[in-house]
Amino acid sequence: MAGRADGANDEAPRIGPRPAFVYLLRCADASLYCGWTFDPERRLAAHRAGRGARYTRSRLPVTMAAVLELADAAGARREEARIKRLSRSEKLTLVAASKSSVEVGAQRP
């Protein structure tokens, strides 16, 4: 399937679930945007090019604030929903915790 919004590439068949990522972007107005994808670098490029979410289009430039790796897309969607329910201060704590990790994309305990 070509042209998927999440940047997925379905050319090679996969065995088992594929890792997915939840990311937080810091926008030019200091707001935070949360989303999920299979390819964080490609998704960041789409946001920066104005092809990401409508929310970020009017708040460029954006930078990656945090990336969390999950086992599969369903887990990433659940984590995205959980993060979106957090207060701004809780999101900032999550960003700070991910920055202090050895690997930003490390899976949460």
Foldseek 3Di string as FASTA:
>chain_A
DPDDLQPDDPPDDDDDAAKKKWWWKQFQVRDIDIDIHNDVVVQLVCLCVLNHDPVSNVGDDIDTQAMEIDRHDVVNVVVRVVLVPDDPVVVVVVSVVLVPDPHRHYHDD
